[in-house]
Amino acid sequence: MSASGSKRAIIAALLANAGIAVAKFVGFLITGSSSMLAEAVHSVADTSNQGLLLWGQREADKKPDALHQFGYGRSRYFYSFVVALVLFTLGAAFALYEGYEKVIHPHELTAPLVAVAILVVAICLESYSFRTAMVESRPLKGPGSWWRFIRTSRNPELPVVLLEDTGALIGLALALVGVGLTMATGNPVWDGVGTLCIGALLAVIAVILMIEMHSALIGEGATIQEGETIRIALEQTDHIDRVIHLRTQYMGPDDMLVGAKIALASGTELATVAATIDAAEAAIRAAVPAATVIYLEPDLDRSVTV
């Protein structure tokens, strides 16, 4: 899948988060709610993160050069990792600090109904962004669970947006609970507790993203299904007896490097070897379009004893 689907999800999230951030800051200035402030900073972080994801896609579109001969595809993984860092430092750390301060030094809320109204509107806008990300992710998701998609997808932006939107929706619910309990009990400590919960939630999401993007940055191979598909495509090619070994690595979400040593029959003519390699490469690309760079090494099948 090209970057167009993930770009639509990113733009939808950026527009939603920018509008939500403004509304939340206005709500904080009116109410003084720490939960509202934490959510406002969270939305600012999310808006910045969408910009980073778009920049990463722009960098990834650069043509290969002498220094980066396989292109810049991994820029998308790098900027997604930066997103996780921003979410952890600007989102989680600030929310935890602000929540701690409001629990130790609680402040009364003013016009809490304004906070409730803004949070409800924010939930509606965030739900639109979340739905867009889900729609764009479904063609890649397959029959597995959403958690499996996040753990196995080679596309970095869609899992990032899905996790961010999930965290935003849960965070909004936590803020709503914090403000609601403060209104119901008259105890502003609950607002601080809600803020602490938002901080902890963002920290968990940021750590998950860091782990996944670190794995992608150091190089992930084809999925089990893709690897098996490539092996079958090779073995079904005329004149290939078997695949001796197969190695794959994603150089970017849409660019996979495939290297394989293939066993050919003893005495195969050079022209046949060349034609077999061409046919095998075509079969691989037809089966797995992401396989853009393919290196095949023909060899004799030394496992066969005469």
Protein backbone atom coordinates (compact mmCIF):
# COMPACT_ATOMS: atom_id res chain seq x y z
CA MET A 1 0.00 0.00 0.00
CA SER A 2 1.32 3.50 -0.83
CA ALA A 3 1.63 6.30 1.69
CA SER A 4 -1.62 7.91 0.46
CA GLY A 5 -3.85 5.98 2.84
CA SER A 6 -1.75 6.74 5.88
CA LYS A 7 -1.44 10.37 4.75
CA ARG A 8 -5.24 10.74 4.80
CA ALA A 9 -5.33 9.36 8.33
CA ILE A 10 -2.51 11.69 9.42
CA ILE A 11 -4.18 14.79 7.96
CA ALA A 12 -7.52 13.90 9.57
CA ALA A 13 -5.77 13.47 12.93
CA LEU A 14 -3.81 16.73 12.51
CA LEU A 15 -6.91 18.80 11.79
CA ALA A 16 -8.88 17.21 14.61
CA ASN A 17 -6.08 17.58 17.17
CA ALA A 18 -5.34 21.20 16.22
CA GLY A 19 -8.98 22.17 16.74
CA ILE A 20 -9.23 20.16 19.94
CA ALA A 21 -6.05 21.71 21.36
CA VAL A 22 -7.43 25.24 20.93
CA ALA A 23 -10.74 24.28 22.53
CA LYS A 24 -9.01 22.58 25.48
CA PHE A 25 -6.74 25.56 26.19
CA VAL A 26 -9.79 27.83 26.18
CA GLY A 27 -11.49 25.39 28.53
CA PHE A 28 -8.47 25.36 30.86
CA LEU A 29 -8.36 29.18 30.98
CA ILE A 30 -12.04 29.25 31.89
CA THR A 31 -12.15 26.35 34.36
CA GLY A 32 -8.60 25.97 35.71
CA SER A 33 -8.91 22.18 35.33
CA SER A 34 -5.54 20.37 35.37
CA SER A 35 -7.12 17.48 33.45
CA MET A 36 -8.11 19.95 30.75
CA LEU A 37 -4.59 21.43 30.67
CA ALA A 38 -3.01 17.97 30.46
CA GLU A 39 -5.34 17.08 27.60
CA ALA A 40 -4.58 20.39 25.86
CA VAL A 41 -0.83 19.69 26.00
CA HIS A 42 -1.56 16.13 24.85
CA SER A 43 -3.40 17.53 21.81
CA VAL A 44 -0.52 19.93 21.07
CA ALA A 45 1.88 16.96 21.19
CA ASP A 46 -0.41 14.94 18.90
CA THR A 47 -0.69 17.85 16.43
CA SER A 48 3.10 18.19 16.37
CA ASN A 49 3.40 14.44 15.91
CA GLN A 50 1.18 14.46 12.83
CA GLY A 51 3.45 17.12 11.36
CA LEU A 52 6.46 14.92 12.07
CA LEU A 53 4.81 11.94 10.38
CA LEU A 54 4.05 14.01 7.28
CA TRP A 55 7.64 15.27 7.24
CA GLY A 56 8.88 11.70 7.52
CA GLN A 57 6.86 10.70 4.46
CA ARG A 58 8.28 13.68 2.57
CA GLU A 59 11.83 12.67 3.47
CA ALA A 60 11.15 9.07 2.46
CA ASP A 61 10.18 10.20 -1.04
CA LYS A 62 13.72 11.38 -1.79
CA LYS A 63 15.45 9.56 -4.61
CA PRO A 64 18.36 7.21 -3.82
CA ASP A 65 21.79 8.80 -4.06
CA ALA A 66 25.43 7.77 -3.72
CA LEU A 67 25.30 7.94 0.08
CA HIS A 68 21.89 6.27 0.51
CA GLN A 69 21.79 3.84 -2.39
CA PHE A 70 18.68 2.02 -1.12
CA GLY A 71 16.77 5.26 -0.67
CA TYR A 72 15.35 7.08 2.35
CA GLY A 73 12.41 4.82 3.17
CA ARG A 74 13.44 4.33 6.79
CA SER A 75 12.92 8.05 7.43
CA ARG A 76 9.30 7.12 8.11
CA TYR A 77 10.41 4.79 10.90
CA PHE A 78 12.78 7.40 12.34
CA TYR A 79 10.19 10.16 12.53
CA SER A 80 7.66 7.73 14.00
CA PHE A 81 10.22 6.99 16.73
CA VAL A 82 10.59 10.74 17.33
CA VAL A 83 6.80 10.87 17.70
CA ALA A 84 7.03 8.35 20.53
CA LEU A 85 9.68 10.47 22.25
CA VAL A 86 7.55 13.61 21.94
CA LEU A 87 4.52 11.77 23.29
CA PHE A 88 6.55 10.56 26.28
CA THR A 89 8.30 13.84 27.12
CA LEU A 90 5.77 16.49 26.17
CA GLY A 91 2.61 14.48 26.82
CA ALA A 92 3.20 11.93 29.58
CA ALA A 93 5.85 13.75 31.62
CA PHE A 94 3.90 17.02 31.66
CA ALA A 95 0.64 15.31 32.62
CA LEU A 96 2.29 13.40 35.45
CA TYR A 97 3.90 16.58 36.78
CA GLU A 98 0.71 18.61 36.49
CA GLY A 99 -1.34 15.84 38.13
CA TYR A 100 1.10 15.57 41.03
CA GLU A 101 0.95 19.34 41.60
CA LYS A 102 -2.86 19.37 41.58
CA VAL A 103 -3.09 16.43 43.99
CA ILE A 104 -0.64 18.08 46.41
CA HIS A 105 -2.04 21.60 45.89
CA PRO A 106 -5.65 21.20 44.68
CA HIS A 107 -7.49 24.16 43.15
CA GLU A 108 -11.22 24.66 42.84
CA LEU A 109 -12.69 24.44 39.35
CA THR A 110 -14.63 27.34 37.87
CA ALA A 111 -17.40 26.72 35.32
CA PRO A 112 -16.86 22.93 35.25
CA LEU A 113 -19.79 22.50 32.86
CA VAL A 114 -17.74 24.34 30.23
CA ALA A 115 -15.01 21.70 30.65
CA VAL A 116 -17.55 18.92 30.26
CA ALA A 117 -18.98 20.47 27.08
CA ILE A 118 -15.52 20.91 25.54
CA LEU A 119 -14.51 17.35 26.43
CA VAL A 120 -17.67 15.95 24.82
CA VAL A 121 -17.02 17.92 21.61
CA ALA A 122 -13.37 16.76 21.67
CA ILE A 123 -14.50 13.13 21.98
CA CYS A 124 -16.66 13.56 18.86
CA LEU A 125 -13.78 15.08 16.85
CA GLU A 126 -11.30 12.48 18.07
CA SER A 127 -13.75 9.71 17.18
CA TYR A 128 -13.80 11.00 13.59
CA SER A 129 -9.99 10.88 13.44
CA PHE A 130 -9.97 7.39 14.97
CA ARG A 131 -12.58 6.14 12.49
CA THR A 132 -10.54 7.52 9.56
CA ALA A 133 -7.43 5.70 10.81
CA MET A 134 -9.38 2.44 11.15
CA VAL A 135 -10.83 2.73 7.63
CA GLU A 136 -7.38 3.35 6.12
CA SER A 137 -5.87 0.49 8.15
CA ARG A 138 -8.39 -2.22 7.26
CA PRO A 139 -6.86 -3.13 3.86
CA LEU A 140 -3.57 -3.85 5.66
CA LYS A 141 -5.03 -5.38 8.80
CA GLY A 142 -6.38 -8.63 7.41
CA PRO A 143 -8.31 -11.10 9.58
CA GLY A 144 -6.18 -10.66 12.72
CA SER A 145 -6.81 -8.42 15.71
CA TRP A 146 -6.01 -4.71 15.84
CA TRP A 147 -3.30 -5.39 18.41
CA ARG A 148 -1.70 -7.89 16.03
CA PHE A 149 -1.83 -5.27 13.26
CA ILE A 150 -0.03 -2.74 15.47
CA ARG A 151 2.63 -5.30 16.39
CA THR A 152 3.25 -6.68 12.88
CA SER A 153 2.50 -3.83 10.46
CA ARG A 154 5.47 -2.54 8.46
CA ASN A 155 3.60 0.73 7.92
CA PRO A 156 4.62 2.99 10.84
CA GLU A 157 2.13 5.85 10.54
CA LEU A 158 -1.15 3.97 10.82
CA PRO A 159 -0.27 2.14 14.08
CA VAL A 160 1.02 5.46 15.47
CA VAL A 161 -2.21 7.29 14.62
CA LEU A 162 -4.34 4.39 15.90
CA LEU A 163 -2.51 4.30 19.23
CA GLU A 164 -2.51 8.09 19.57
CA ASP A 165 -6.24 8.29 18.85
CA THR A 166 -6.96 5.42 21.22
CA GLY A 167 -4.94 7.15 23.92
CA ALA A 168 -6.68 10.45 23.18
CA LEU A 169 -10.16 8.93 23.50
CA ILE A 170 -9.31 7.14 26.74
CA GLY A 171 -7.58 10.29 28.01
CA LEU A 172 -10.65 12.38 27.26
CA ALA A 173 -12.79 9.87 29.13
CA LEU A 174 -10.40 10.02 32.10
CA ALA A 175 -10.50 13.83 32.06
CA LEU A 176 -14.30 13.69 31.93
CA VAL A 177 -14.36 11.33 34.91
CA GLY A 178 -11.93 13.55 36.83
CA VAL A 179 -13.99 16.68 36.23
CA GLY A 180 -17.23 14.80 36.90
CA LEU A 181 -16.02 13.42 40.24
CA THR A 182 -14.79 16.88 41.21
CA MET A 183 -18.25 18.29 40.48
CA ALA A 184 -20.02 15.45 42.28
CA THR A 185 -17.85 15.42 45.42
CA GLY A 186 -16.67 19.00 45.57
CA ASN A 187 -13.13 17.65 45.99
CA PRO A 188 -10.71 19.05 43.35
CA VAL A 189 -8.19 16.30 44.09
CA TRP A 190 -10.09 14.08 41.66
CA ASP A 191 -9.14 16.43 38.83
CA GLY A 192 -5.48 15.85 39.70
CA VAL A 193 -6.02 12.09 39.91
CA GLY A 194 -7.55 12.13 36.43
CA THR A 195 -4.49 14.02 35.18
CA LEU A 196 -2.13 11.43 36.70
CA CYS A 197 -4.07 8.66 34.96
CA ILE A 198 -3.76 10.50 31.64
CA GLY A 199 0.01 10.78 32.16
CA ALA A 200 0.37 7.08 32.94
CA LEU A 201 -1.71 6.17 29.87
CA LEU A 202 0.43 8.33 27.56
CA ALA A 203 3.62 6.85 29.01
CA VAL A 204 2.42 3.30 28.27
CA ILE A 205 1.46 4.20 24.69
CA ALA A 206 4.78 6.00 24.13
CA VAL A 207 6.78 2.99 25.36
CA ILE A 208 4.83 0.64 23.06
CA LEU A 209 5.56 2.93 20.11
CA MET A 210 9.25 3.16 21.03
CA ILE A 211 9.57 -0.62 21.11
CA GLU A 212 7.81 -1.08 17.77
CA MET A 213 9.67 1.72 15.95
CA HIS A 214 13.03 0.59 17.36
CA SER A 215 12.40 -2.85 15.89
CA ALA A 216 11.53 -1.30 12.52
CA LEU A 217 14.58 0.99 12.57
CA ILE A 218 17.11 -1.79 13.09
CA GLY A 219 15.44 -3.75 10.27
CA GLU A 220 12.49 -6.13 10.18
CA GLY A 221 12.10 -8.94 7.68
CA ALA A 222 9.03 -10.04 5.78
CA THR A 223 6.05 -11.31 7.73
CA ILE A 224 5.70 -15.07 8.05
CA GLN A 225 3.02 -15.07 5.35
CA GLU A 226 5.12 -12.91 3.00
CA GLY A 227 8.21 -15.05 3.55
CA GLU A 228 6.28 -18.21 2.73
CA THR A 229 4.77 -16.58 -0.35
CA ILE A 230 8.23 -15.61 -1.62
CA ARG A 231 9.56 -19.11 -0.98
CA ILE A 232 6.67 -20.68 -2.89
CA ALA A 233 7.14 -18.26 -5.80
CA LEU A 234 10.79 -19.29 -6.03
CA GLU A 235 10.21 -23.01 -5.72
CA GLN A 236 7.50 -22.96 -8.39
CA THR A 237 9.84 -21.31 -10.90
CA ASP A 238 11.10 -23.70 -13.58
CA HIS A 239 14.66 -25.02 -13.11
CA ILE A 240 14.81 -24.10 -9.40
CA ASP A 241 15.15 -27.28 -7.35
CA ARG A 242 14.84 -25.64 -3.94
CA VAL A 243 15.57 -22.51 -1.91
CA ILE A 244 18.81 -22.99 0.03
CA HIS A 245 18.29 -19.91 2.19
CA LEU A 246 16.19 -16.76 2.10
CA ARG A 247 16.77 -13.39 3.78
CA THR A 248 14.48 -10.35 3.69
CA GLN A 249 14.47 -6.88 5.19
CA TYR A 250 12.17 -3.89 4.90
CA MET A 251 14.12 -0.78 3.84
CA GLY A 252 10.89 1.21 4.14
CA PRO A 253 7.19 0.41 4.51
CA ASP A 254 6.82 -0.16 0.76
CA ASP A 255 10.31 -1.41 -0.10
CA MET A 256 11.56 -4.88 0.78
CA LEU A 257 15.01 -6.27 0.08
CA VAL A 258 15.01 -9.98 -0.84
CA GLY A 259 18.17 -12.05 -0.99
CA ALA A 260 18.13 -15.79 -1.69
CA LYS A 261 20.43 -18.59 -2.66
CA ILE A 262 18.67 -20.96 -5.04
CA ALA A 263 19.68 -24.48 -6.05
CA LEU A 264 19.74 -25.24 -9.78
CA ALA A 265 20.34 -28.57 -11.45
CA SER A 266 23.95 -29.45 -12.22
CA GLY A 267 24.88 -28.65 -15.81
CA THR A 268 22.30 -25.90 -16.28
CA GLU A 269 23.41 -23.65 -19.14
CA LEU A 270 24.29 -20.01 -18.41
CA ALA A 271 21.48 -18.67 -20.61
CA THR A 272 18.99 -20.85 -18.72
CA VAL A 273 20.38 -19.62 -15.39
CA ALA A 274 19.87 -16.00 -16.44
CA ALA A 275 16.34 -16.68 -17.71
CA THR A 276 15.49 -18.57 -14.50
CA ILE A 277 16.62 -15.65 -12.32
CA ASP A 278 14.57 -13.20 -14.39
CA ALA A 279 11.49 -15.43 -14.11
CA ALA A 280 12.00 -15.86 -10.35
CA GLU A 281 12.28 -12.12 -9.78
CA ALA A 282 9.10 -11.51 -11.76
CA ALA A 283 7.28 -14.22 -9.77
CA ILE A 284 8.38 -12.68 -6.46
CA ARG A 285 7.29 -9.16 -7.45
CA ALA A 286 3.94 -10.47 -8.66
CA ALA A 287 3.36 -12.31 -5.38
CA VAL A 288 4.74 -9.62 -3.02
CA PRO A 289 4.73 -6.16 -4.66
CA ALA A 290 6.73 -4.67 -1.76
CA ALA A 291 9.74 -6.74 -2.90
CA THR A 292 11.39 -3.98 -4.91
CA VAL A 293 15.05 -5.03 -4.59
CA ILE A 294 15.87 -8.70 -5.28
CA TYR A 295 19.23 -10.45 -5.34
CA LEU A 296 19.30 -14.13 -6.27
CA GLU A 297 22.42 -16.28 -6.11
CA PRO A 298 22.29 -19.51 -8.14
CA ASP A 299 24.16 -22.50 -6.71
CA LEU A 300 24.35 -26.25 -6.97
CA ASP A 301 22.25 -28.37 -4.64
CA ARG A 302 25.05 -29.95 -2.60
CA SER A 303 22.58 -31.64 -0.30
CA VAL A 304 21.91 -34.19 -3.06
CA THR A 305 24.33 -37.12 -2.91
CA VAL A 306 25.28 -38.95 -6.11
